[in-house]
Amino acid sequence: VTPAPGANTGRYTEFVLDPTPLPMNPH
């Protein structure tokens, strides 16, 4: 999730969605 360029990008810092604590695996 990241701000669209040129649209007040300082609103927040880009980040990755974290599925924890739901189960995942390497595949």
PDB file of all heavy atoms in Angstrom:
ATOM      1  N   VAL A   1       0.866  -1.174   0.000  1.00  0.00           N
ATOM      2  CA  VAL A   1       0.000   0.000   0.000  1.00  0.00           C
ATOM      3  C   VAL A   1       0.901   1.221   0.000  1.00  0.00           C
ATOM      4  O   VAL A   1       1.798   1.346   0.845  1.00  0.00           O
ATOM      5  CB  VAL A   1      -0.934   0.013   1.223  1.00  0.00           C
ATOM      6  CG1 VAL A   1      -1.741   1.314   1.271  1.00  0.00           C
ATOM      7  CG2 VAL A   1      -1.880  -1.190   1.185  1.00  0.00           C
ATOM      8  N   THR A   2       0.666   2.124  -0.951  1.00  0.00           N
ATOM      9  CA  THR A   2       1.574   3.256  -1.115  1.00  0.00           C
ATOM     10  C   THR A   2       0.806   4.443  -1.677  1.00  0.00           C
ATOM     11  O   THR A   2      -0.153   4.261  -2.445  1.00  0.00           O
ATOM     12  CB  THR A   2       2.748   2.870  -2.046  1.00  0.00           C
ATOM     13  OG1 THR A   2       3.677   3.946  -2.138  1.00  0.00           O
ATOM     14  CG2 THR A   2       2.269   2.500  -3.432  1.00  0.00           C
ATOM     15  N   PRO A   3       1.192   5.681  -1.302  1.00  0.00           N
ATOM     16  CA  PRO A   3       0.508   6.855  -1.869  1.00  0.00           C
ATOM     17  C   PRO A   3       0.782   6.961  -3.363  1.00  0.00           C
ATOM     18  O   PRO A   3       1.894   6.688  -3.825  1.00  0.00           O
ATOM     19  CB  PRO A   3       1.125   8.031  -1.110  1.00  0.00           C
ATOM     20  CG  PRO A   3       1.835   7.441   0.063  1.00  0.00           C
ATOM     21  CD  PRO A   3       2.230   6.056  -0.328  1.00  0.00           C
ATOM     22  N   ALA A   4      -0.231   7.349  -4.124  1.00  0.00           N
ATOM     23  CA  ALA A   4      -0.017   7.597  -5.546  1.00  0.00           C
ATOM     24  C   ALA A   4       0.923   8.778  -5.705  1.00  0.00           C
ATOM     25  O   ALA A   4       0.793   9.781  -4.995  1.00  0.00           O
ATOM     26  CB  ALA A   4      -1.341   7.874  -6.244  1.00  0.00           C
ATOM     27  N   PRO A   5       1.897   8.699  -6.599  1.00  0.00           N
ATOM     28  CA  PRO A   5       2.858   9.798  -6.783  1.00  0.00           C
ATOM     29  C   PRO A   5       2.163  11.109  -7.137  1.00  0.00           C
ATOM     30  O   PRO A   5       1.132  11.123  -7.810  1.00  0.00           O
ATOM     31  CB  PRO A   5       3.724   9.313  -7.943  1.00  0.00           C
ATOM     32  CG  PRO A   5       3.591   7.835  -7.938  1.00  0.00           C
ATOM     33  CD  PRO A   5       2.192   7.566  -7.489  1.00  0.00           C
ATOM     34  N   GLY A   6       2.730  12.193  -6.658  1.00  0.00           N
ATOM     35  CA  GLY A   6       2.213  13.511  -6.994  1.00  0.00           C
ATOM     36  C   GLY A   6       0.938  13.887  -6.285  1.00  0.00           C
ATOM     37  O   GLY A   6       0.317  14.897  -6.605  1.00  0.00           O
ATOM     38  N   ALA A   7       0.502  13.089  -5.320  1.00  0.00           N
ATOM     39  CA  ALA A   7      -0.774  13.347  -4.636  1.00  0.00           C
ATOM     40  C   ALA A   7      -0.546  13.421  -3.132  1.00  0.00           C
ATOM     41  O   ALA A   7      -1.045  12.599  -2.374  1.00  0.00           O
ATOM     42  CB  ALA A   7      -1.778  12.256  -4.977  1.00  0.00           C
ATOM     43  N   ASN A   8       0.254  14.398  -2.704  1.00  0.00           N
ATOM     44  CA  ASN A   8       0.540  14.569  -1.284  1.00  0.00           C
ATOM     45  C   ASN A   8       1.068  13.268  -0.689  1.00  0.00           C
ATOM     46  O   ASN A   8       0.462  12.671   0.207  1.00  0.00           O
ATOM     47  CB  ASN A   8      -0.711  15.039  -0.539  1.00  0.00           C
ATOM     48  CG  ASN A   8      -0.433  15.386   0.915  1.00  0.00           C
ATOM     49  OD1 ASN A   8       0.734  15.544   1.313  1.00  0.00           O
ATOM     50  ND2 ASN A   8      -1.491  15.497   1.706  1.00  0.00           N
ATOM     51  N   THR A   9       2.205  12.825  -1.201  1.00  0.00           N
ATOM     52  CA  THR A   9       2.747  11.525  -0.807  1.00  0.00           C
ATOM     53  C   THR A   9       3.214  11.483   0.639  1.00  0.00           C
ATOM     54  O   THR A   9       3.504  10.401   1.157  1.00  0.00           O
ATOM     55  CB  THR A   9       3.917  11.150  -1.717  1.00  0.00           C
ATOM     56  OG1 THR A   9       4.889  12.205  -1.718  1.00  0.00           O
ATOM     57  CG2 THR A   9       3.443  10.925  -3.147  1.00  0.00           C
ATOM     58  N   GLY A  10       3.270  12.609   1.301  1.00  0.00           N
ATOM     59  CA  GLY A  10       3.699  12.624   2.697  1.00  0.00           C
ATOM     60  C   GLY A  10       2.609  12.235   3.674  1.00  0.00           C
ATOM     61  O   GLY A  10       2.824  12.268   4.896  1.00  0.00           O
ATOM     62  N   ARG A  11       1.438  11.820   3.186  1.00  0.00           N
ATOM     63  CA  ARG A  11       0.336  11.460   4.079  1.00  0.00           C
ATOM     64  C   ARG A  11       0.674  10.266   4.951  1.00  0.00           C
ATOM     65  O   ARG A  11       0.237  10.148   6.089  1.00  0.00           O
ATOM     66  CB  ARG A  11      -0.918  11.169   3.252  1.00  0.00           C
ATOM     67  CG  ARG A  11      -1.537  12.399   2.605  1.00  0.00           C
ATOM     68  CD  ARG A  11      -2.666  12.030   1.655  1.00  0.00           C
ATOM     69  NE  ARG A  11      -2.168  11.395   0.443  1.00  0.00           N
ATOM     70  CZ  ARG A  11      -2.550  10.218  -0.018  1.00  0.00           C
ATOM     71  NH1 ARG A  11      -3.442   9.514   0.661  1.00  0.00           N
ATOM     72  NH2 ARG A  11      -2.066   9.731  -1.134  1.00  0.00           N
ATOM     73  N   TYR A  12       1.427   9.311   4.407  1.00  0.00           N
ATOM     74  CA  TYR A  12       1.865   8.142   5.163  1.00  0.00           C
ATOM     75  C   TYR A  12       3.023   7.505   4.410  1.00  0.00           C
ATOM     76  O   TYR A  12       3.296   7.826   3.241  1.00  0.00           O
ATOM     77  CB  TYR A  12       0.724   7.135   5.342  1.00  0.00           C
ATOM     78  CG  TYR A  12       0.121   6.618   4.057  1.00  0.00           C
ATOM     79  CD1 TYR A  12       0.593   5.456   3.437  1.00  0.00           C
ATOM     80  CD2 TYR A  12      -0.933   7.289   3.435  1.00  0.00           C
ATOM     81  CE1 TYR A  12       0.045   4.985   2.253  1.00  0.00           C
ATOM     82  CE2 TYR A  12      -1.495   6.823   2.261  1.00  0.00           C
ATOM     83  CZ  TYR A  12      -1.006   5.679   1.673  1.00  0.00           C
ATOM     84  OH  TYR A  12      -1.545   5.223   0.499  1.00  0.00           O
ATOM     85  N   THR A  13       3.715   6.603   5.063  1.00  0.00           N
ATOM     86  CA  THR A  13       4.839   5.898   4.454  1.00  0.00           C
ATOM     87  C   THR A  13       4.354   4.566   3.900  1.00  0.00           C
ATOM     88  O   THR A  13       3.546   3.871   4.530  1.00  0.00           O
ATOM     89  CB  THR A  13       5.944   5.652   5.494  1.00  0.00           C
ATOM     90  OG1 THR A  13       6.374   6.917   6.011  1.00  0.00           O
ATOM     91  CG2 THR A  13       7.141   4.936   4.861  1.00  0.00           C
ATOM     92  N   GLU A  14       4.852   4.222   2.711  1.00  0.00           N
ATOM     93  CA  GLU A  14       4.434   2.962   2.085  1.00  0.00           C
ATOM     94  C   GLU A  14       4.717   1.781   3.017  1.00  0.00           C
ATOM     95  O   GLU A  14       5.672   1.789   3.792  1.00  0.00           O
ATOM     96  CB  GLU A  14       5.163   2.766   0.752  1.00  0.00           C
ATOM     97  CG  GLU A  14       6.671   2.620   0.831  1.00  0.00           C
ATOM     98  CD  GLU A  14       7.429   3.940   0.865  1.00  0.00           C
ATOM     99  OE1 GLU A  14       6.788   5.016   0.970  1.00  0.00           O
ATOM    100  OE2 GLU A  14       8.678   3.909   0.786  1.00  0.00           O
ATOM    101  N   PHE A  15       3.863   0.746   2.918  1.00  0.00           N
ATOM    102  CA  PHE A  15       4.016  -0.403   3.803  1.00  0.00           C
ATOM    103  C   PHE A  15       3.495  -1.661   3.124  1.00  0.00           C
ATOM    104  O   PHE A  15       2.819  -1.608   2.084  1.00  0.00           O
ATOM    105  CB  PHE A  15       3.287  -0.174   5.132  1.00  0.00           C
ATOM    106  CG  PHE A  15       1.799   0.052   4.998  1.00  0.00           C
ATOM    107  CD1 PHE A  15       0.895  -1.014   5.027  1.00  0.00           C
ATOM    108  CD2 PHE A  15       1.294   1.338   4.839  1.00  0.00           C
ATOM    109  CE1 PHE A  15      -0.472  -0.807   4.902  1.00  0.00           C
ATOM    110  CE2 PHE A  15      -0.076   1.553   4.713  1.00  0.00           C
ATOM    111  CZ  PHE A  15      -0.961   0.488   4.741  1.00  0.00           C
ATOM    112  N   VAL A  16       3.809  -2.799   3.734  1.00  0.00           N
ATOM    113  CA  VAL A  16       3.386  -4.108   3.242  1.00  0.00           C
ATOM    114  C   VAL A  16       2.262  -4.630   4.130  1.00  0.00           C
ATOM    115  O   VAL A  16       2.345  -4.537   5.366  1.00  0.00           O
ATOM    116  CB  VAL A  16       4.580  -5.091   3.229  1.00  0.00           C
ATOM    117  CG1 VAL A  16       4.111  -6.531   3.064  1.00  0.00           C
ATOM    118  CG2 VAL A  16       5.553  -4.725   2.115  1.00  0.00           C
ATOM    119  N   LEU A  17       1.214  -5.170   3.509  1.00  0.00           N
ATOM    120  CA  LEU A  17       0.140  -5.797   4.295  1.00  0.00           C
ATOM    121  C   LEU A  17       0.664  -7.056   4.976  1.00  0.00           C
ATOM    122  O   LEU A  17       1.327  -7.882   4.352  1.00  0.00           O
ATOM    123  CB  LEU A  17      -1.038  -6.150   3.394  1.00  0.00           C
ATOM    124  CG  LEU A  17      -1.896  -4.995   2.873  1.00  0.00           C
ATOM    125  CD1 LEU A  17      -3.001  -5.537   1.969  1.00  0.00           C
ATOM    126  CD2 LEU A  17      -2.509  -4.187   4.012  1.00  0.00           C
ATOM    127  N   ASP A  18       0.326  -7.212   6.240  1.00  0.00           N
ATOM    128  CA  ASP A  18       0.814  -8.342   7.030  1.00  0.00           C
ATOM    129  C   ASP A  18      -0.363  -9.269   7.374  1.00  0.00           C
ATOM    130  O   ASP A  18      -1.280  -8.867   8.080  1.00  0.00           O
ATOM    131  CB  ASP A  18       1.462  -7.830   8.313  1.00  0.00           C
ATOM    132  CG  ASP A  18       2.075  -8.945   9.142  1.00  0.00           C
ATOM    133  OD1 ASP A  18       2.030 -10.119   8.713  1.00  0.00           O
ATOM    134  OD2 ASP A  18       2.597  -8.639  10.231  1.00  0.00           O
ATOM    135  N   PRO A  19      -0.359 -10.508   6.874  1.00  0.00           N
ATOM    136  CA  PRO A  19      -1.474 -11.424   7.152  1.00  0.00           C
ATOM    137  C   PRO A  19      -1.452 -12.034   8.547  1.00  0.00           C
ATOM    138  O   PRO A  19      -2.391 -12.740   8.918  1.00  0.00           O
ATOM    139  CB  PRO A  19      -1.298 -12.508   6.087  1.00  0.00           C
ATOM    140  CG  PRO A  19       0.165 -12.520   5.802  1.00  0.00           C
ATOM    141  CD  PRO A  19       0.622 -11.093   5.959  1.00  0.00           C
ATOM    142  N   THR A  20      -0.393 -11.808   9.324  1.00  0.00           N
ATOM    143  CA  THR A  20      -0.304 -12.357  10.681  1.00  0.00           C
ATOM    144  C   THR A  20      -1.512 -11.905  11.505  1.00  0.00           C
ATOM    145  O   THR A  20      -1.917 -10.739  11.429  1.00  0.00           O
ATOM    146  CB  THR A  20       0.994 -11.867  11.362  1.00  0.00           C
ATOM    147  OG1 THR A  20       2.103 -12.168  10.536  1.00  0.00           O
ATOM    148  CG2 THR A  20       1.180 -12.492  12.721  1.00  0.00           C
ATOM    149  N   PRO A  21      -2.161 -12.797  12.257  1.00  0.00           N
ATOM    150  CA  PRO A  21      -1.736 -14.139  12.659  1.00  0.00           C
ATOM    151  C   PRO A  21      -2.318 -15.269  11.810  1.00  0.00           C
ATOM    152  O   PRO A  21      -2.275 -16.423  12.233  1.00  0.00           O
ATOM    153  CB  PRO A  21      -2.268 -14.223  14.090  1.00  0.00           C
ATOM    154  CG  PRO A  21      -3.575 -13.481  14.009  1.00  0.00           C
ATOM    155  CD  PRO A  21      -3.335 -12.352  13.041  1.00  0.00           C
ATOM    156  N   LEU A  22      -2.880 -14.961  10.656  1.00  0.00           N
ATOM    157  CA  LEU A  22      -3.466 -16.028   9.840  1.00  0.00           C
ATOM    158  C   LEU A  22      -2.375 -16.951   9.316  1.00  0.00           C
ATOM    159  O   LEU A  22      -1.242 -16.527   9.071  1.00  0.00           O
ATOM    160  CB  LEU A  22      -4.259 -15.421   8.674  1.00  0.00           C
ATOM    161  CG  LEU A  22      -5.429 -14.511   9.050  1.00  0.00           C
ATOM    162  CD1 LEU A  22      -6.196 -14.115   7.804  1.00  0.00           C
ATOM    163  CD2 LEU A  22      -6.348 -15.182  10.053  1.00  0.00           C
ATOM    164  N   PRO A  23      -2.692 -18.222   9.118  1.00  0.00           N
ATOM    165  CA  PRO A  23      -1.671 -19.180   8.675  1.00  0.00           C
ATOM    166  C   PRO A  23      -1.234 -18.922   7.238  1.00  0.00           C
ATOM    167  O   PRO A  23      -2.046 -18.605   6.367  1.00  0.00           O
ATOM    168  CB  PRO A  23      -2.384 -20.537   8.796  1.00  0.00           C
ATOM    169  CG  PRO A  23      -3.842 -20.220   8.711  1.00  0.00           C
ATOM    170  CD  PRO A  23      -4.002 -18.880   9.357  1.00  0.00           C
ATOM    171  N   MET A  24       0.061 -19.045   6.996  1.00  0.00           N
ATOM    172  CA  MET A  24       0.649 -18.929   5.664  1.00  0.00           C
ATOM    173  C   MET A  24       1.673 -20.048   5.519  1.00  0.00           C
ATOM    174  O   MET A  24       1.906 -20.837   6.440  1.00  0.00           O
ATOM    175  CB  MET A  24       1.314 -17.562   5.475  1.00  0.00           C
ATOM    176  CG  MET A  24       0.362 -16.372   5.571  1.00  0.00           C
ATOM    177  SD  MET A  24      -0.819 -16.269   4.201  1.00  0.00           S
ATOM    178  CE  MET A  24       0.226 -15.633   2.897  1.00  0.00           C
ATOM    179  N   ASN A  25       2.285 -20.161   4.344  1.00  0.00           N
ATOM    180  CA  ASN A  25       3.422 -21.058   4.155  1.00  0.00           C
ATOM    181  C   ASN A  25       4.270 -20.524   3.010  1.00  0.00           C
ATOM    182  O   ASN A  25       3.855 -19.574   2.315  1.00  0.00           O
ATOM    183  CB  ASN A  25       2.962 -22.518   3.931  1.00  0.00           C
ATOM    184  CG  ASN A  25       2.200 -22.709   2.635  1.00  0.00           C
ATOM    185  OD1 ASN A  25       2.618 -22.253   1.575  1.00  0.00           O
ATOM    186  ND2 ASN A  25       1.080 -23.422   2.694  1.00  0.00           N
ATOM    187  N   PRO A  26       5.469 -21.060   2.768  1.00  0.00           N
ATOM    188  CA  PRO A  26       6.363 -20.493   1.747  1.00  0.00           C
ATOM    189  C   PRO A  26       5.889 -20.698   0.317  1.00  0.00           C
ATOM    190  O   PRO A  26       6.522 -20.186  -0.608  1.00  0.00           O
ATOM    191  CB  PRO A  26       7.681 -21.257   1.984  1.00  0.00           C
ATOM    192  CG  PRO A  26       7.571 -21.870   3.335  1.00  0.00           C
ATOM    193  CD  PRO A  26       6.126 -22.139   3.540  1.00  0.00           C
ATOM    194  N   HIS A  27       4.806 -21.429   0.113  1.00  0.00           N
ATOM    195  CA  HIS A  27       4.373 -21.787  -1.235  1.00  0.00           C
ATOM    196  C   HIS A  27       3.105 -21.034  -1.645  1.00  0.00           C
ATOM    197  O   HIS A  27       2.313 -21.526  -2.445  1.00  0.00           O
ATOM    198  CB  HIS A  27       4.154 -23.293  -1.314  1.00  0.00           C
ATOM    199  CG  HIS A  27       5.252 -24.086  -0.677  1.00  0.00           C
ATOM    200  ND1 HIS A  27       6.565 -23.991  -1.074  1.00  0.00           N
ATOM    201  CD2 HIS A  27       5.237 -24.968   0.364  1.00  0.00           C
ATOM    202  CE1 HIS A  27       7.318 -24.780  -0.320  1.00  0.00           C
ATOM    203  NE2 HIS A  27       6.531 -25.379   0.554  1.00  0.00           N
TER     204      HIS A  27
END
